């Protein structure tokens, strides 16, 4: 993000689970929002149950505590570059998407969510959803952001 020279930056996981053709919809949403995130709609076998439960719990917390209309932590998103830099997201690990959403809520940003397809990854193993332990560690780290 720091090295980008475009007004808008987009991020998505690089594991082949999401389609970059969903990005233009998120970019267009920035006409009326500060941050656009994808709500993953999983295909069979794309996300283990423990990961979906963890995501649902954290998303519920975002909706109730921060009044954000999100149902996913958003592994795909579009945002204006300078606004993102000004938000000063400091987490550089798995808590980044969550801290981004919390800081966006605290800054009064308008956040919108759009459905995106979510397929089984084509490469690598997730450090978060690849194991129950990884999910538990990530949820614990995420919960620190929400506290």
N, C-alpha and C. Protein backbone atom coordinates (compact mmCIF):
# COMPACT_ATOMS: atom_id res chain seq x y z
N UNK A 1 0.84 -1.19 0.00
CA UNK A 1 0.00 0.00 0.00
C UNK A 1 0.88 1.25 0.00
N UNK A 2 1.93 1.24 0.80
CA UNK A 2 2.82 2.40 0.86
C UNK A 2 3.45 2.66 -0.50
N UNK A 3 3.84 1.63 -1.21
CA UNK A 3 4.52 1.78 -2.49
C UNK A 3 3.57 2.08 -3.65
N UNK A 4 2.29 1.86 -3.46
CA UNK A 4 1.33 2.08 -4.55
C UNK A 4 1.28 3.56 -4.92
N UNK A 5 0.98 3.84 -6.18
CA UNK A 5 0.85 5.23 -6.61
C UNK A 5 -0.52 5.51 -7.23
N UNK A 6 -1.48 4.66 -6.88
CA UNK A 6 -2.84 4.83 -7.38
C UNK A 6 -3.72 5.41 -6.27
N UNK A 7 -4.80 6.03 -6.66
CA UNK A 7 -5.72 6.60 -5.68
C UNK A 7 -6.42 5.51 -4.88
N UNK A 8 -6.73 4.41 -5.54
CA UNK A 8 -7.45 3.31 -4.90
C UNK A 8 -6.55 2.08 -4.88
N UNK A 9 -6.55 1.37 -3.74
CA UNK A 9 -5.81 0.12 -3.64
C UNK A 9 -6.80 -1.00 -3.33
N UNK A 10 -6.48 -2.16 -3.83
CA UNK A 10 -7.31 -3.35 -3.62
C UNK A 10 -6.41 -4.46 -3.08
N UNK A 11 -7.00 -5.27 -2.21
CA UNK A 11 -6.25 -6.37 -1.61
C UNK A 11 -7.12 -7.61 -1.67
N UNK A 12 -6.52 -8.73 -1.99
CA UNK A 12 -7.19 -10.02 -1.87
C UNK A 12 -6.15 -11.08 -1.56
N UNK A 13 -6.58 -12.13 -0.91
CA UNK A 13 -5.67 -13.22 -0.60
C UNK A 13 -5.09 -13.77 -1.91
N UNK A 14 -3.82 -14.15 -1.86
CA UNK A 14 -3.14 -14.64 -3.05
C UNK A 14 -3.13 -16.15 -3.18
N UNK A 15 -4.12 -16.80 -2.59
CA UNK A 15 -4.12 -18.27 -2.60
C UNK A 15 -5.05 -18.86 -3.66
N UNK A 16 -5.60 -18.03 -4.53
CA UNK A 16 -6.47 -18.52 -5.60
C UNK A 16 -7.90 -18.78 -5.17
N UNK A 17 -8.25 -18.45 -3.94
CA UNK A 17 -9.61 -18.74 -3.46
C UNK A 17 -10.63 -17.69 -3.88
N UNK A 18 -10.16 -16.52 -4.30
CA UNK A 18 -11.08 -15.46 -4.72
C UNK A 18 -10.75 -15.03 -6.13
N UNK A 19 -11.74 -14.49 -6.79
CA UNK A 19 -11.60 -14.08 -8.19
C UNK A 19 -11.33 -12.58 -8.27
N UNK A 20 -10.20 -12.17 -8.82
CA UNK A 20 -9.91 -10.75 -8.94
C UNK A 20 -10.94 -9.99 -9.78
N UNK A 21 -11.75 -10.73 -10.56
CA UNK A 21 -12.80 -10.04 -11.33
C UNK A 21 -13.89 -9.46 -10.44
N UNK A 22 -13.87 -9.79 -9.14
CA UNK A 22 -14.81 -9.17 -8.19
C UNK A 22 -14.35 -7.77 -7.76
N UNK A 23 -13.09 -7.44 -8.00
CA UNK A 23 -12.57 -6.15 -7.54
C UNK A 23 -13.27 -4.93 -8.16
N UNK A 24 -13.59 -4.92 -9.45
CA UNK A 24 -14.26 -3.73 -9.99
C UNK A 24 -15.57 -3.37 -9.28
N UNK A 25 -16.31 -4.35 -8.82
CA UNK A 25 -17.54 -4.08 -8.07
C UNK A 25 -17.21 -3.36 -6.77
N UNK A 26 -16.16 -3.80 -6.11
CA UNK A 26 -15.76 -3.16 -4.86
C UNK A 26 -15.26 -1.74 -5.12
N UNK A 27 -14.50 -1.55 -6.18
CA UNK A 27 -14.01 -0.21 -6.52
C UNK A 27 -15.18 0.73 -6.81
N UNK A 28 -16.16 0.26 -7.57
CA UNK A 28 -17.33 1.08 -7.88
C UNK A 28 -18.08 1.46 -6.60
N UNK A 29 -18.10 0.58 -5.62
CA UNK A 29 -18.78 0.87 -4.36
C UNK A 29 -18.16 2.05 -3.63
N UNK A 30 -16.91 2.37 -3.94
CA UNK A 30 -16.26 3.50 -3.29
C UNK A 30 -16.84 4.84 -3.73
N UNK A 31 -17.75 4.83 -4.72
CA UNK A 31 -18.46 6.05 -5.09
C UNK A 31 -19.35 6.52 -3.94
N UNK A 32 -19.77 5.59 -3.07
CA UNK A 32 -20.65 5.94 -1.96
C UNK A 32 -20.19 5.35 -0.62
N UNK A 33 -18.95 4.88 -0.57
CA UNK A 33 -18.43 4.28 0.66
C UNK A 33 -16.95 4.60 0.80
N UNK A 34 -16.45 4.45 2.01
CA UNK A 34 -15.02 4.66 2.27
C UNK A 34 -14.23 3.36 2.14
N UNK A 35 -14.91 2.25 2.39
CA UNK A 35 -14.27 0.94 2.35
C UNK A 35 -15.28 -0.07 1.84
N UNK A 36 -14.87 -0.87 0.87
CA UNK A 36 -15.73 -1.93 0.33
C UNK A 36 -15.03 -3.27 0.58
N UNK A 37 -15.75 -4.19 1.21
CA UNK A 37 -15.20 -5.50 1.51
C UNK A 37 -16.05 -6.58 0.89
N UNK A 38 -15.42 -7.71 0.60
CA UNK A 38 -16.14 -8.84 0.05
C UNK A 38 -16.65 -9.75 1.16
N UNK A 39 -17.88 -10.19 1.00
CA UNK A 39 -18.45 -11.20 1.89
C UNK A 39 -18.32 -12.53 1.18
N UNK A 40 -17.43 -13.36 1.68
CA UNK A 40 -17.16 -14.63 1.02
C UNK A 40 -18.38 -15.54 1.11
N UNK A 41 -18.75 -16.06 -0.05
CA UNK A 41 -19.81 -17.07 -0.16
C UNK A 41 -19.12 -18.37 -0.53
N UNK A 42 -18.86 -19.21 0.48
CA UNK A 42 -18.00 -20.38 0.25
C UNK A 42 -18.63 -21.47 -0.60
N UNK A 43 -17.82 -21.97 -1.51
CA UNK A 43 -18.17 -23.19 -2.24
C UNK A 43 -17.86 -24.36 -1.31
N UNK A 44 -18.47 -25.49 -1.57
CA UNK A 44 -18.25 -26.68 -0.75
C UNK A 44 -16.75 -26.98 -0.66
N UNK A 45 -16.28 -27.17 0.57
CA UNK A 45 -14.88 -27.52 0.78
C UNK A 45 -13.92 -26.35 0.81
N UNK A 46 -14.41 -25.12 0.71
CA UNK A 46 -13.49 -23.99 0.65
C UNK A 46 -13.09 -23.46 2.02
N UNK A 47 -13.87 -23.77 3.04
CA UNK A 47 -13.59 -23.22 4.36
C UNK A 47 -14.04 -24.20 5.43
N UNK A 48 -13.15 -24.59 6.33
CA UNK A 48 -13.54 -25.54 7.37
C UNK A 48 -14.53 -24.90 8.36
N UNK A 49 -15.29 -25.75 9.00
CA UNK A 49 -16.33 -25.30 9.92
C UNK A 49 -15.77 -24.40 11.02
N UNK A 50 -14.63 -24.76 11.62
CA UNK A 50 -14.10 -23.95 12.71
C UNK A 50 -13.73 -22.54 12.25
N UNK A 51 -13.28 -22.40 11.01
CA UNK A 51 -12.95 -21.08 10.49
C UNK A 51 -14.22 -20.26 10.25
N UNK A 52 -15.26 -20.90 9.73
CA UNK A 52 -16.53 -20.19 9.50
C UNK A 52 -17.14 -19.74 10.82
N UNK A 53 -17.05 -20.57 11.84
CA UNK A 53 -17.59 -20.19 13.15
C UNK A 53 -16.81 -19.00 13.73
N UNK A 54 -15.49 -19.07 13.68
CA UNK A 54 -14.67 -17.96 14.17
C UNK A 54 -14.98 -16.66 13.46
N UNK A 55 -15.10 -16.71 12.15
CA UNK A 55 -15.43 -15.54 11.35
C UNK A 55 -16.81 -15.01 11.72
N UNK A 56 -17.77 -15.90 11.93
CA UNK A 56 -19.13 -15.48 12.28
C UNK A 56 -19.16 -14.79 13.64
N UNK A 57 -18.41 -15.32 14.61
CA UNK A 57 -18.38 -14.72 15.95
C UNK A 57 -17.75 -13.33 15.88
N UNK A 58 -16.63 -13.20 15.20
CA UNK A 58 -15.97 -11.90 15.10
C UNK A 58 -16.82 -10.89 14.32
N UNK A 59 -17.46 -11.35 13.26
CA UNK A 59 -18.32 -10.46 12.48
C UNK A 59 -19.51 -9.98 13.29
N UNK A 60 -20.07 -10.87 14.11
CA UNK A 60 -21.17 -10.47 14.99
C UNK A 60 -20.71 -9.38 15.95
N UNK A 61 -19.52 -9.54 16.48
CA UNK A 61 -18.96 -8.52 17.38
C UNK A 61 -18.79 -7.19 16.66
N UNK A 62 -18.35 -7.22 15.41
CA UNK A 62 -18.22 -5.98 14.63
C UNK A 62 -19.58 -5.31 14.41
N UNK A 63 -20.59 -6.13 14.19
CA UNK A 63 -21.94 -5.56 13.96
C UNK A 63 -22.51 -4.98 15.25
N UNK A 64 -22.29 -5.66 16.37
CA UNK A 64 -22.92 -5.21 17.61
C UNK A 64 -22.14 -4.10 18.30
N UNK A 65 -20.84 -4.24 18.43
CA UNK A 65 -20.05 -3.24 19.15
C UNK A 65 -19.74 -2.02 18.29
N UNK A 66 -19.47 -2.24 17.00
CA UNK A 66 -19.00 -1.16 16.13
C UNK A 66 -20.03 -0.72 15.09
N UNK A 67 -21.17 -1.39 15.07
CA UNK A 67 -22.27 -1.03 14.15
C UNK A 67 -21.85 -1.10 12.69
N UNK A 68 -20.93 -2.00 12.38
CA UNK A 68 -20.51 -2.21 11.00
C UNK A 68 -21.40 -3.25 10.34
N UNK A 69 -21.88 -2.98 9.15
CA UNK A 69 -22.78 -3.93 8.47
C UNK A 69 -22.01 -5.03 7.74
N UNK A 70 -21.18 -5.78 8.47
CA UNK A 70 -20.35 -6.80 7.84
C UNK A 70 -20.63 -8.17 8.44
N UNK A 71 -20.46 -9.17 7.59
CA UNK A 71 -20.66 -10.57 7.98
C UNK A 71 -19.42 -11.40 7.71
N UNK A 72 -18.32 -10.73 7.38
CA UNK A 72 -17.07 -11.39 7.03
C UNK A 72 -15.95 -10.40 7.34
N UNK A 73 -14.80 -10.92 7.73
CA UNK A 73 -13.67 -10.03 7.99
C UNK A 73 -13.09 -9.44 6.71
N UNK A 74 -13.51 -9.93 5.58
CA UNK A 74 -13.15 -9.29 4.32
C UNK A 74 -11.74 -9.57 3.85
N UNK A 75 -11.53 -10.72 3.24
CA UNK A 75 -10.22 -11.07 2.69
C UNK A 75 -10.00 -10.43 1.32
N UNK A 76 -10.99 -9.69 0.86
CA UNK A 76 -10.88 -8.93 -0.39
C UNK A 76 -11.51 -7.57 -0.11
N UNK A 77 -10.79 -6.50 -0.48
CA UNK A 77 -11.30 -5.17 -0.18
C UNK A 77 -10.72 -4.12 -1.11
N UNK A 78 -11.42 -2.98 -1.15
CA UNK A 78 -10.98 -1.81 -1.92
C UNK A 78 -11.14 -0.59 -1.03
N UNK A 79 -10.17 0.32 -1.13
CA UNK A 79 -10.17 1.51 -0.29
C UNK A 79 -9.31 2.58 -0.96
N UNK A 80 -9.58 3.82 -0.63
CA UNK A 80 -8.71 4.89 -1.11
C UNK A 80 -7.39 4.83 -0.36
N UNK A 81 -6.31 4.86 -1.12
CA UNK A 81 -4.97 4.64 -0.58
C UNK A 81 -4.63 5.60 0.56
N UNK A 82 -4.77 6.89 0.34
CA UNK A 82 -4.35 7.85 1.36
C UNK A 82 -5.20 7.72 2.62
N UNK A 83 -6.48 7.48 2.46
CA UNK A 83 -7.34 7.30 3.63
C UNK A 83 -6.89 6.09 4.44
N UNK A 84 -6.52 5.02 3.75
CA UNK A 84 -6.03 3.83 4.44
C UNK A 84 -4.73 4.13 5.20
N UNK A 85 -3.81 4.82 4.56
CA UNK A 85 -2.57 5.18 5.23
C UNK A 85 -2.83 6.07 6.44
N UNK A 86 -3.75 7.01 6.30
CA UNK A 86 -4.09 7.91 7.41
C UNK A 86 -4.75 7.17 8.57
N UNK A 87 -5.39 6.05 8.28
CA UNK A 87 -6.05 5.27 9.33
C UNK A 87 -5.02 4.67 10.30
N UNK A 88 -3.80 4.48 9.81
CA UNK A 88 -2.69 4.00 10.64
C UNK A 88 -2.94 2.61 11.23
N UNK A 89 -3.25 1.67 10.36
CA UNK A 89 -3.38 0.27 10.77
C UNK A 89 -1.97 -0.24 11.07
N UNK A 90 -1.78 -0.75 12.28
CA UNK A 90 -0.43 -1.16 12.70
C UNK A 90 -0.21 -2.67 12.67
N UNK A 91 -1.28 -3.46 12.74
CA UNK A 91 -1.13 -4.92 12.78
C UNK A 91 -0.62 -5.40 11.43
N UNK A 92 0.43 -6.16 11.45
CA UNK A 92 1.01 -6.69 10.21
C UNK A 92 0.88 -8.20 10.12
N UNK A 93 0.02 -8.76 10.98
CA UNK A 93 -0.19 -10.20 10.96
C UNK A 93 -1.65 -10.48 10.63
N UNK A 94 -2.18 -11.54 11.15
CA UNK A 94 -3.54 -11.95 10.80
C UNK A 94 -4.61 -11.02 11.35
N UNK A 95 -4.26 -10.13 12.27
CA UNK A 95 -5.24 -9.19 12.80
C UNK A 95 -5.48 -7.97 11.93
N UNK A 96 -4.71 -7.84 10.84
CA UNK A 96 -4.82 -6.65 9.98
C UNK A 96 -6.25 -6.38 9.51
N UNK A 97 -6.94 -7.35 8.91
CA UNK A 97 -8.29 -7.05 8.40
C UNK A 97 -9.24 -6.60 9.50
N UNK A 98 -9.12 -7.20 10.66
CA UNK A 98 -9.99 -6.84 11.77
C UNK A 98 -9.66 -5.44 12.29
N UNK A 99 -8.37 -5.15 12.48
CA UNK A 99 -8.00 -3.82 12.95
C UNK A 99 -8.42 -2.76 11.94
N UNK A 100 -8.29 -3.06 10.67
CA UNK A 100 -8.75 -2.13 9.64
C UNK A 100 -10.23 -1.80 9.83
N UNK A 101 -11.05 -2.83 10.03
CA UNK A 101 -12.49 -2.60 10.20
C UNK A 101 -12.80 -1.84 11.48
N UNK A 102 -12.13 -2.17 12.56
CA UNK A 102 -12.36 -1.46 13.83
C UNK A 102 -11.97 0.01 13.69
N UNK A 103 -10.81 0.28 13.13
CA UNK A 103 -10.37 1.67 12.97
C UNK A 103 -11.29 2.43 12.00
N UNK A 104 -11.75 1.75 10.96
CA UNK A 104 -12.69 2.38 10.02
C UNK A 104 -13.97 2.77 10.75
N UNK A 105 -14.48 1.89 11.59
CA UNK A 105 -15.69 2.19 12.35
C UNK A 105 -15.44 3.37 13.29
N UNK A 106 -14.33 3.35 13.99
CA UNK A 106 -14.02 4.43 14.93
C UNK A 106 -13.82 5.77 14.22
N UNK A 107 -13.39 5.72 12.96
CA UNK A 107 -13.20 6.94 12.18
C UNK A 107 -14.50 7.40 11.51
N UNK A 108 -15.57 6.62 11.67
CA UNK A 108 -16.85 7.00 11.08
C UNK A 108 -16.97 6.70 9.60
N UNK A 109 -16.15 5.79 9.11
CA UNK A 109 -16.20 5.44 7.70
C UNK A 109 -17.49 4.72 7.36
N UNK A 110 -17.92 4.89 6.14
CA UNK A 110 -19.00 4.08 5.58
C UNK A 110 -18.37 2.84 4.99
N UNK A 111 -18.79 1.69 5.50
CA UNK A 111 -18.26 0.41 5.04
C UNK A 111 -19.40 -0.36 4.39
N UNK A 112 -19.16 -0.88 3.20
CA UNK A 112 -20.16 -1.69 2.51
C UNK A 112 -19.58 -3.07 2.22
N UNK A 113 -20.47 -4.02 2.08
CA UNK A 113 -20.08 -5.41 1.87
C UNK A 113 -20.80 -5.93 0.62
N UNK A 114 -20.06 -6.64 -0.21
CA UNK A 114 -20.63 -7.25 -1.41
C UNK A 114 -20.26 -8.73 -1.44
N UNK A 115 -21.18 -9.55 -1.87
CA UNK A 115 -20.91 -10.99 -1.97
C UNK A 115 -19.85 -11.27 -3.02
N UNK A 116 -18.95 -12.18 -2.67
CA UNK A 116 -17.93 -12.66 -3.61
C UNK A 116 -17.85 -14.18 -3.48
N UNK A 117 -17.54 -14.84 -4.57
CA UNK A 117 -17.37 -16.29 -4.53
C UNK A 117 -16.09 -16.62 -3.78
N UNK A 118 -16.12 -17.75 -3.09
CA UNK A 118 -14.97 -18.21 -2.33
C UNK A 118 -14.80 -19.70 -2.60
N UNK A 119 -13.70 -20.02 -3.27
CA UNK A 119 -13.44 -21.40 -3.68
C UNK A 119 -12.31 -22.00 -2.86
N UNK A 120 -12.15 -23.29 -2.92
CA UNK A 120 -10.99 -23.89 -2.24
C UNK A 120 -9.69 -23.26 -2.77
N UNK A 121 -8.75 -23.05 -1.90
CA UNK A 121 -7.49 -22.43 -2.31
C UNK A 121 -6.76 -23.34 -3.29
N UNK A 122 -6.01 -22.72 -4.17
CA UNK A 122 -5.27 -23.48 -5.18
C UNK A 122 -3.80 -23.65 -4.78
N UNK A 123 -3.37 -22.96 -3.71
CA UNK A 123 -1.98 -23.07 -3.29
C UNK A 123 -1.85 -22.83 -1.79
N UNK A 124 -0.92 -23.53 -1.18
CA UNK A 124 -0.57 -23.28 0.21
C UNK A 124 -1.59 -23.76 1.23
N UNK A 125 -1.23 -23.57 2.49
CA UNK A 125 -2.09 -23.91 3.62
C UNK A 125 -2.28 -22.66 4.46
N UNK A 126 -3.50 -22.39 4.85
CA UNK A 126 -3.81 -21.21 5.64
C UNK A 126 -3.21 -21.31 7.03
N UNK A 127 -2.57 -20.22 7.48
CA UNK A 127 -2.06 -20.18 8.85
C UNK A 127 -3.18 -19.99 9.84
N UNK A 128 -4.34 -19.54 9.37
CA UNK A 128 -5.49 -19.30 10.25
C UNK A 128 -6.44 -20.50 10.21
N UNK A 129 -6.95 -20.82 9.04
CA UNK A 129 -7.95 -21.89 8.97
C UNK A 129 -7.37 -23.26 8.63
N UNK A 130 -6.06 -23.34 8.51
CA UNK A 130 -5.44 -24.62 8.16
C UNK A 130 -5.44 -25.62 9.30
N UNK A 131 -5.73 -25.14 10.50
CA UNK A 131 -5.81 -26.04 11.65
C UNK A 131 -6.70 -25.41 12.71
N UNK A 132 -7.23 -26.24 13.58
CA UNK A 132 -8.04 -25.71 14.68
C UNK A 132 -7.16 -24.83 15.56
N UNK A 133 -5.93 -25.24 15.84
CA UNK A 133 -5.02 -24.45 16.67
C UNK A 133 -4.77 -23.08 16.02
N UNK A 134 -4.52 -23.05 14.71
CA UNK A 134 -4.30 -21.79 14.02
C UNK A 134 -5.49 -20.87 14.12
N UNK A 135 -6.69 -21.44 14.01
CA UNK A 135 -7.90 -20.65 14.13
C UNK A 135 -8.04 -20.10 15.55
N UNK A 136 -7.77 -20.92 16.55
CA UNK A 136 -7.88 -20.48 17.94
C UNK A 136 -6.89 -19.34 18.22
N UNK A 137 -5.66 -19.48 17.78
CA UNK A 137 -4.66 -18.44 17.97
C UNK A 137 -5.10 -17.15 17.27
N UNK A 138 -5.58 -17.26 16.05
CA UNK A 138 -6.02 -16.08 15.32
C UNK A 138 -7.21 -15.41 16.00
N UNK A 139 -8.17 -16.20 16.43
CA UNK A 139 -9.34 -15.62 17.11
C UNK A 139 -8.91 -14.92 18.39
N UNK A 140 -7.99 -15.50 19.12
CA UNK A 140 -7.49 -14.86 20.34
C UNK A 140 -6.82 -13.53 19.99
N UNK A 141 -5.99 -13.53 18.94
CA UNK A 141 -5.35 -12.28 18.50
C UNK A 141 -6.40 -11.27 18.04
N UNK A 142 -7.40 -11.75 17.30
CA UNK A 142 -8.45 -10.87 16.83
C UNK A 142 -9.21 -10.27 18.01
N UNK A 143 -9.49 -11.09 19.00
CA UNK A 143 -10.28 -10.63 20.15
C UNK A 143 -9.56 -9.49 20.87
N UNK A 144 -8.22 -9.52 20.88
CA UNK A 144 -7.45 -8.43 21.50
C UNK A 144 -7.73 -7.11 20.78
N UNK A 145 -7.89 -7.16 19.48
CA UNK A 145 -8.21 -5.95 18.72
C UNK A 145 -9.58 -5.42 19.13
N UNK A 146 -10.51 -6.33 19.41
CA UNK A 146 -11.89 -5.93 19.74
C UNK A 146 -12.06 -5.50 21.18
N UNK A 147 -11.10 -5.77 22.03
CA UNK A 147 -11.25 -5.46 23.45
C UNK A 147 -11.07 -3.97 23.74
